[in-house]
């Protein structure tokens, strides 16, 4: 489980579907990244980090 990713989404009060749509990725991809089943490409990680205004390290490597 990527708790940093889940927390960033919940801080904005968004569902997985809402966040994924605004980021520009699929619901399934974001859900799998949150549960740790997929890592995502560097490009996807950059999109997510920009959306949440957090560093890639903070969201994906700080656990």
PDB file of N, CA and C in Angstrom:
ATOM      1  N   UNK A   1       0.840  -1.181   0.000  1.00  0.00           N
ATOM      2  CA  UNK A   1       0.000   0.000   0.000  1.00  0.00           C
ATOM      3  C   UNK A   1       0.883   1.241   0.000  1.00  0.00           C
ATOM      4  N   UNK A   2       0.603   2.161  -0.906  1.00  0.00           N
ATOM      5  CA  UNK A   2       1.332   3.426  -0.956  1.00  0.00           C
ATOM      6  C   UNK A   2       0.526   4.459  -0.168  1.00  0.00           C
ATOM      7  N   UNK A   3       0.811   4.549   1.124  1.00  0.00           N
ATOM      8  CA  UNK A   3       0.038   5.420   2.005  1.00  0.00           C
ATOM      9  C   UNK A   3       0.190   6.892   1.642  1.00  0.00           C
ATOM     10  N   UNK A   4       1.371   7.292   1.163  1.00  0.00           N
ATOM     11  CA  UNK A   4       1.587   8.691   0.781  1.00  0.00           C
ATOM     12  C   UNK A   4       0.667   9.082  -0.370  1.00  0.00           C
ATOM     13  N   UNK A   5       0.498   8.186  -1.321  1.00  0.00           N
ATOM     14  CA  UNK A   5      -0.358   8.446  -2.476  1.00  0.00           C
ATOM     15  C   UNK A   5      -1.825   8.517  -2.051  1.00  0.00           C
ATOM     16  N   UNK A   6      -2.240   7.599  -1.207  1.00  0.00           N
ATOM     17  CA  UNK A   6      -3.618   7.590  -0.701  1.00  0.00           C
ATOM     18  C   UNK A   6      -3.881   8.864   0.096  1.00  0.00           C
ATOM     19  N   UNK A   7      -2.954   9.233   0.958  1.00  0.00           N
ATOM     20  CA  UNK A   7      -3.123  10.429   1.784  1.00  0.00           C
ATOM     21  C   UNK A   7      -3.217  11.692   0.936  1.00  0.00           C
ATOM     22  N   UNK A   8      -2.374  11.793  -0.091  1.00  0.00           N
ATOM     23  CA  UNK A   8      -2.393  12.971  -0.967  1.00  0.00           C
ATOM     24  C   UNK A   8      -3.754  13.117  -1.644  1.00  0.00           C
ATOM     25  N   UNK A   9      -4.326  11.992  -2.071  1.00  0.00           N
ATOM     26  CA  UNK A   9      -5.644  12.031  -2.718  1.00  0.00           C
ATOM     27  C   UNK A   9      -6.722  12.424  -1.709  1.00  0.00           C
ATOM     28  N   UNK A  10      -6.677  11.821  -0.537  1.00  0.00           N
ATOM     29  CA  UNK A  10      -7.703  12.090   0.481  1.00  0.00           C
ATOM     30  C   UNK A  10      -7.618  13.519   1.007  1.00  0.00           C
ATOM     31  N   UNK A  11      -6.414  14.098   1.039  1.00  0.00           N
ATOM     32  CA  UNK A  11      -6.253  15.496   1.453  1.00  0.00           C
ATOM     33  C   UNK A  11      -7.051  16.420   0.544  1.00  0.00           C
ATOM     34  N   UNK A  12      -7.175  16.026  -0.710  1.00  0.00           N
ATOM     35  CA  UNK A  12      -7.941  16.829  -1.673  1.00  0.00           C
ATOM     36  C   UNK A  12      -9.414  16.442  -1.705  1.00  0.00           C
ATOM     37  N   UNK A  13      -9.790  15.430  -0.941  1.00  0.00           N
ATOM     38  CA  UNK A  13     -11.183  15.014  -0.878  1.00  0.00           C
ATOM     39  C   UNK A  13     -11.682  14.366  -2.156  1.00  0.00           C
ATOM     40  N   UNK A  14     -10.791  13.658  -2.844  1.00  0.00           N
ATOM     41  CA  UNK A  14     -11.140  13.059  -4.133  1.00  0.00           C
ATOM     42  C   UNK A  14     -11.259  11.544  -4.036  1.00  0.00           C
ATOM     43  N   UNK A  15     -12.142  10.989  -4.866  1.00  0.00           N
ATOM     44  CA  UNK A  15     -12.189   9.541  -5.035  1.00  0.00           C
ATOM     45  C   UNK A  15     -11.076   9.159  -6.007  1.00  0.00           C
ATOM     46  N   UNK A  16     -10.797   7.874  -6.103  1.00  0.00           N
ATOM     47  CA  UNK A  16      -9.789   7.416  -7.072  1.00  0.00           C
ATOM     48  C   UNK A  16     -10.202   7.833  -8.474  1.00  0.00           C
ATOM     49  N   UNK A  17     -11.480   7.654  -8.810  1.00  0.00           N
ATOM     50  CA  UNK A  17     -11.958   8.008 -10.156  1.00  0.00           C
ATOM     51  C   UNK A  17     -11.785   9.486 -10.451  1.00  0.00           C
ATOM     52  N   UNK A  18     -12.144  10.341  -9.491  1.00  0.00           N
ATOM     53  CA  UNK A  18     -12.025  11.793  -9.695  1.00  0.00           C
ATOM     54  C   UNK A  18     -10.566  12.196  -9.873  1.00  0.00           C
ATOM     55  N   UNK A  19      -9.701  11.674  -9.012  1.00  0.00           N
ATOM     56  CA  UNK A  19      -8.280  12.017  -9.093  1.00  0.00           C
ATOM     57  C   UNK A  19      -7.684  11.535 -10.409  1.00  0.00           C
ATOM     58  N   UNK A  20      -7.967  10.300 -10.782  1.00  0.00           N
ATOM     59  CA  UNK A  20      -7.416   9.735 -12.020  1.00  0.00           C
ATOM     60  C   UNK A  20      -7.839  10.562 -13.226  1.00  0.00           C
ATOM     61  N   UNK A  21      -9.097  10.962 -13.262  1.00  0.00           N
ATOM     62  CA  UNK A  21      -9.598  11.752 -14.389  1.00  0.00           C
ATOM     63  C   UNK A  21      -8.862  13.095 -14.470  1.00  0.00           C
ATOM     64  N   UNK A  22      -8.681  13.745 -13.329  1.00  0.00           N
ATOM     65  CA  UNK A  22      -8.009  15.040 -13.312  1.00  0.00           C
ATOM     66  C   UNK A  22      -6.519  14.914 -13.643  1.00  0.00           C
ATOM     67  N   UNK A  23      -5.901  13.813 -13.245  1.00  0.00           N
ATOM     68  CA  UNK A  23      -4.480  13.580 -13.533  1.00  0.00           C
ATOM     69  C   UNK A  23      -4.294  13.218 -15.008  1.00  0.00           C
ATOM     70  N   UNK A  24      -5.278  12.497 -15.555  1.00  0.00           N
ATOM     71  CA  UNK A  24      -5.184  12.067 -16.951  1.00  0.00           C
ATOM     72  C   UNK A  24      -4.709  10.638 -17.094  1.00  0.00           C
ATOM     73  N   UNK A  25      -4.985   9.816 -16.070  1.00  0.00           N
ATOM     74  CA  UNK A  25      -4.655   8.389 -16.134  1.00  0.00           C
ATOM     75  C   UNK A  25      -5.917   7.593 -15.816  1.00  0.00           C
ATOM     76  N   UNK A  26      -5.857   6.287 -15.999  1.00  0.00           N
ATOM     77  CA  UNK A  26      -7.043   5.470 -15.761  1.00  0.00           C
ATOM     78  C   UNK A  26      -7.257   5.234 -14.271  1.00  0.00           C
ATOM     79  N   UNK A  27      -8.508   5.006 -13.929  1.00  0.00           N
ATOM     80  CA  UNK A  27      -8.887   4.660 -12.554  1.00  0.00           C
ATOM     81  C   UNK A  27      -8.094   3.437 -12.108  1.00  0.00           C
ATOM     82  N   UNK A  28      -8.026   2.430 -12.971  1.00  0.00           N
ATOM     83  CA  UNK A  28      -7.338   1.184 -12.635  1.00  0.00           C
ATOM     84  C   UNK A  28      -5.867   1.392 -12.338  1.00  0.00           C
ATOM     85  N   UNK A  29      -5.217   2.240 -13.130  1.00  0.00           N
ATOM     86  CA  UNK A  29      -3.785   2.507 -12.910  1.00  0.00           C
ATOM     87  C   UNK A  29      -3.572   3.171 -11.560  1.00  0.00           C
ATOM     88  N   UNK A  30      -4.368   4.188 -11.245  1.00  0.00           N
ATOM     89  CA  UNK A  30      -4.191   4.877  -9.964  1.00  0.00           C
ATOM     90  C   UNK A  30      -4.505   3.933  -8.808  1.00  0.00           C
ATOM     91  N   UNK A  31      -5.548   3.152  -8.941  1.00  0.00           N
ATOM     92  CA  UNK A  31      -5.912   2.202  -7.880  1.00  0.00           C
ATOM     93  C   UNK A  31      -4.788   1.197  -7.647  1.00  0.00           C
ATOM     94  N   UNK A  32      -4.206   0.681  -8.721  1.00  0.00           N
ATOM     95  CA  UNK A  32      -3.121  -0.300  -8.578  1.00  0.00           C
ATOM     96  C   UNK A  32      -1.851   0.335  -8.017  1.00  0.00           C
ATOM     97  N   UNK A  33      -1.601   1.596  -8.360  1.00  0.00           N
ATOM     98  CA  UNK A  33      -0.435   2.281  -7.798  1.00  0.00           C
ATOM     99  C   UNK A  33      -0.640   2.529  -6.305  1.00  0.00           C
ATOM    100  N   UNK A  34      -1.862   2.867  -5.917  1.00  0.00           N
ATOM    101  CA  UNK A  34      -2.147   3.087  -4.495  1.00  0.00           C
ATOM    102  C   UNK A  34      -2.005   1.797  -3.688  1.00  0.00           C
ATOM    103  N   UNK A  35      -2.385   0.678  -4.273  1.00  0.00           N
ATOM    104  CA  UNK A  35      -2.296  -0.596  -3.543  1.00  0.00           C
ATOM    105  C   UNK A  35      -0.922  -1.246  -3.677  1.00  0.00           C
ATOM    106  N   UNK A  36      -0.064  -0.682  -4.537  1.00  0.00           N
ATOM    107  CA  UNK A  36       1.278  -1.222  -4.707  1.00  0.00           C
ATOM    108  C   UNK A  36       1.380  -2.335  -5.725  1.00  0.00           C
ATOM    109  N   UNK A  37       0.311  -2.585  -6.483  1.00  0.00           N
ATOM    110  CA  UNK A  37       0.332  -3.657  -7.488  1.00  0.00           C
ATOM    111  C   UNK A  37       1.012  -3.225  -8.782  1.00  0.00           C
ATOM    112  N   UNK A  38       1.081  -1.893  -9.029  1.00  0.00           N
ATOM    113  CA  UNK A  38       1.783  -1.364 -10.203  1.00  0.00           C
ATOM    114  C   UNK A  38       2.654  -0.218  -9.743  1.00  0.00           C
ATOM    115  N   UNK A  39       3.769  -0.055 -10.428  1.00  0.00           N
ATOM    116  CA  UNK A  39       4.669   1.036 -10.077  1.00  0.00           C
ATOM    117  C   UNK A  39       4.404   2.281 -10.919  1.00  0.00           C
ATOM    118  N   UNK A  40       4.028   2.111 -12.159  1.00  0.00           N
ATOM    119  CA  UNK A  40       3.791   3.251 -13.040  1.00  0.00           C
ATOM    120  C   UNK A  40       5.083   3.721 -13.687  1.00  0.00           C
ATOM    121  N   UNK A  41       4.951   4.298 -14.858  1.00  0.00           N
ATOM    122  CA  UNK A  41       6.117   4.818 -15.577  1.00  0.00           C
ATOM    123  C   UNK A  41       6.585   6.111 -14.917  1.00  0.00           C
ATOM    124  N   UNK A  42       7.788   6.530 -15.274  1.00  0.00           N
ATOM    125  CA  UNK A  42       8.295   7.798 -14.756  1.00  0.00           C
ATOM    126  C   UNK A  42       7.370   8.941 -15.164  1.00  0.00           C
ATOM    127  N   UNK A  43       6.857   8.892 -16.383  1.00  0.00           N
ATOM    128  CA  UNK A  43       5.944   9.935 -16.869  1.00  0.00           C
ATOM    129  C   UNK A  43       4.676   9.984 -16.014  1.00  0.00           C
ATOM    130  N   UNK A  44       4.123   8.823 -15.687  1.00  0.00           N
ATOM    131  CA  UNK A  44       2.923   8.761 -14.855  1.00  0.00           C
ATOM    132  C   UNK A  44       3.208   9.302 -13.461  1.00  0.00           C
ATOM    133  N   UNK A  45       4.349   8.932 -12.904  1.00  0.00           N
ATOM    134  CA  UNK A  45       4.729   9.438 -11.577  1.00  0.00           C
ATOM    135  C   UNK A  45       4.864  10.956 -11.591  1.00  0.00           C
ATOM    136  N   UNK A  46       5.428  11.512 -12.673  1.00  0.00           N
ATOM    137  CA  UNK A  46       5.572  12.963 -12.780  1.00  0.00           C
ATOM    138  C   UNK A  46       4.212  13.646 -12.846  1.00  0.00           C
ATOM    139  N   UNK A  47       3.272  13.070 -13.604  1.00  0.00           N
ATOM    140  CA  UNK A  47       1.920  13.633 -13.689  1.00  0.00           C
ATOM    141  C   UNK A  47       1.264  13.669 -12.315  1.00  0.00           C
ATOM    142  N   UNK A  48       1.390  12.573 -11.592  1.00  0.00           N
ATOM    143  CA  UNK A  48       0.774  12.470 -10.266  1.00  0.00           C
ATOM    144  C   UNK A  48       1.419  13.462  -9.305  1.00  0.00           C
ATOM    145  N   UNK A  49       2.738  13.532  -9.313  1.00  0.00           N
ATOM    146  CA  UNK A  49       3.448  14.449  -8.416  1.00  0.00           C
ATOM    147  C   UNK A  49       3.077  15.901  -8.703  1.00  0.00           C
ATOM    148  N   UNK A  50       2.987  16.259  -9.989  1.00  0.00           N
ATOM    149  CA  UNK A  50       2.586  17.625 -10.346  1.00  0.00           C
ATOM    150  C   UNK A  50       1.172  17.917  -9.861  1.00  0.00           C
ATOM    151  N   UNK A  51       0.270  16.965 -10.067  1.00  0.00           N
ATOM    152  CA  UNK A  51      -1.125  17.152  -9.660  1.00  0.00           C
ATOM    153  C   UNK A  51      -1.235  17.386  -8.157  1.00  0.00           C
ATOM    154  N   UNK A  52      -0.543  16.585  -7.373  1.00  0.00           N
ATOM    155  CA  UNK A  52      -0.621  16.701  -5.915  1.00  0.00           C
ATOM    156  C   UNK A  52       0.336  17.746  -5.349  1.00  0.00           C
ATOM    157  N   UNK A  53       1.166  18.351  -6.217  1.00  0.00           N
ATOM    158  CA  UNK A  53       2.161  19.342  -5.820  1.00  0.00           C
ATOM    159  C   UNK A  53       3.081  18.796  -4.730  1.00  0.00           C
ATOM    160  N   UNK A  54       3.555  17.585  -4.973  1.00  0.00           N
ATOM    161  CA  UNK A  54       4.493  16.925  -4.070  1.00  0.00           C
ATOM    162  C   UNK A  54       5.626  16.356  -4.911  1.00  0.00           C
ATOM    163  N   UNK A  55       6.729  16.038  -4.273  1.00  0.00           N
ATOM    164  CA  UNK A  55       7.859  15.476  -5.022  1.00  0.00           C
ATOM    165  C   UNK A  55       7.607  13.988  -5.321  1.00  0.00           C
ATOM    166  N   UNK A  56       8.250  13.511  -6.366  1.00  0.00           N
ATOM    167  CA  UNK A  56       8.162  12.090  -6.707  1.00  0.00           C
ATOM    168  C   UNK A  56       8.696  11.245  -5.544  1.00  0.00           C
ATOM    169  N   UNK A  57       9.786  11.707  -4.955  1.00  0.00           N
ATOM    170  CA  UNK A  57      10.379  10.992  -3.833  1.00  0.00           C
ATOM    171  C   UNK A  57       9.397  10.872  -2.671  1.00  0.00           C
ATOM    172  N   UNK A  58       8.736  11.963  -2.371  1.00  0.00           N
ATOM    173  CA  UNK A  58       7.776  11.997  -1.264  1.00  0.00           C
ATOM    174  C   UNK A  58       6.623  11.010  -1.484  1.00  0.00           C
ATOM    175  N   UNK A  59       6.148  10.935  -2.719  1.00  0.00           N
ATOM    176  CA  UNK A  59       4.996  10.080  -3.021  1.00  0.00           C
ATOM    177  C   UNK A  59       5.354   8.625  -3.265  1.00  0.00           C
ATOM    178  N   UNK A  60       6.528   8.364  -3.834  1.00  0.00           N
ATOM    179  CA  UNK A  60       6.812   6.990  -4.264  1.00  0.00           C
ATOM    180  C   UNK A  60       7.994   6.309  -3.590  1.00  0.00           C
ATOM    181  N   UNK A  61       8.856   7.063  -2.931  1.00  0.00           N
ATOM    182  CA  UNK A  61      10.068   6.430  -2.397  1.00  0.00           C
ATOM    183  C   UNK A  61      10.278   6.657  -0.906  1.00  0.00           C
ATOM    184  N   UNK A  62       9.360   7.320  -0.237  1.00  0.00           N
ATOM    185  CA  UNK A  62       9.580   7.686   1.164  1.00  0.00           C
ATOM    186  C   UNK A  62       8.951   6.718   2.160  1.00  0.00           C
ATOM    187  N   UNK A  63       8.580   5.517   1.741  1.00  0.00           N
ATOM    188  CA  UNK A  63       7.919   4.622   2.700  1.00  0.00           C
ATOM    189  C   UNK A  63       8.925   3.737   3.367  1.00  0.00           C
TER     190      UNK A  63
END
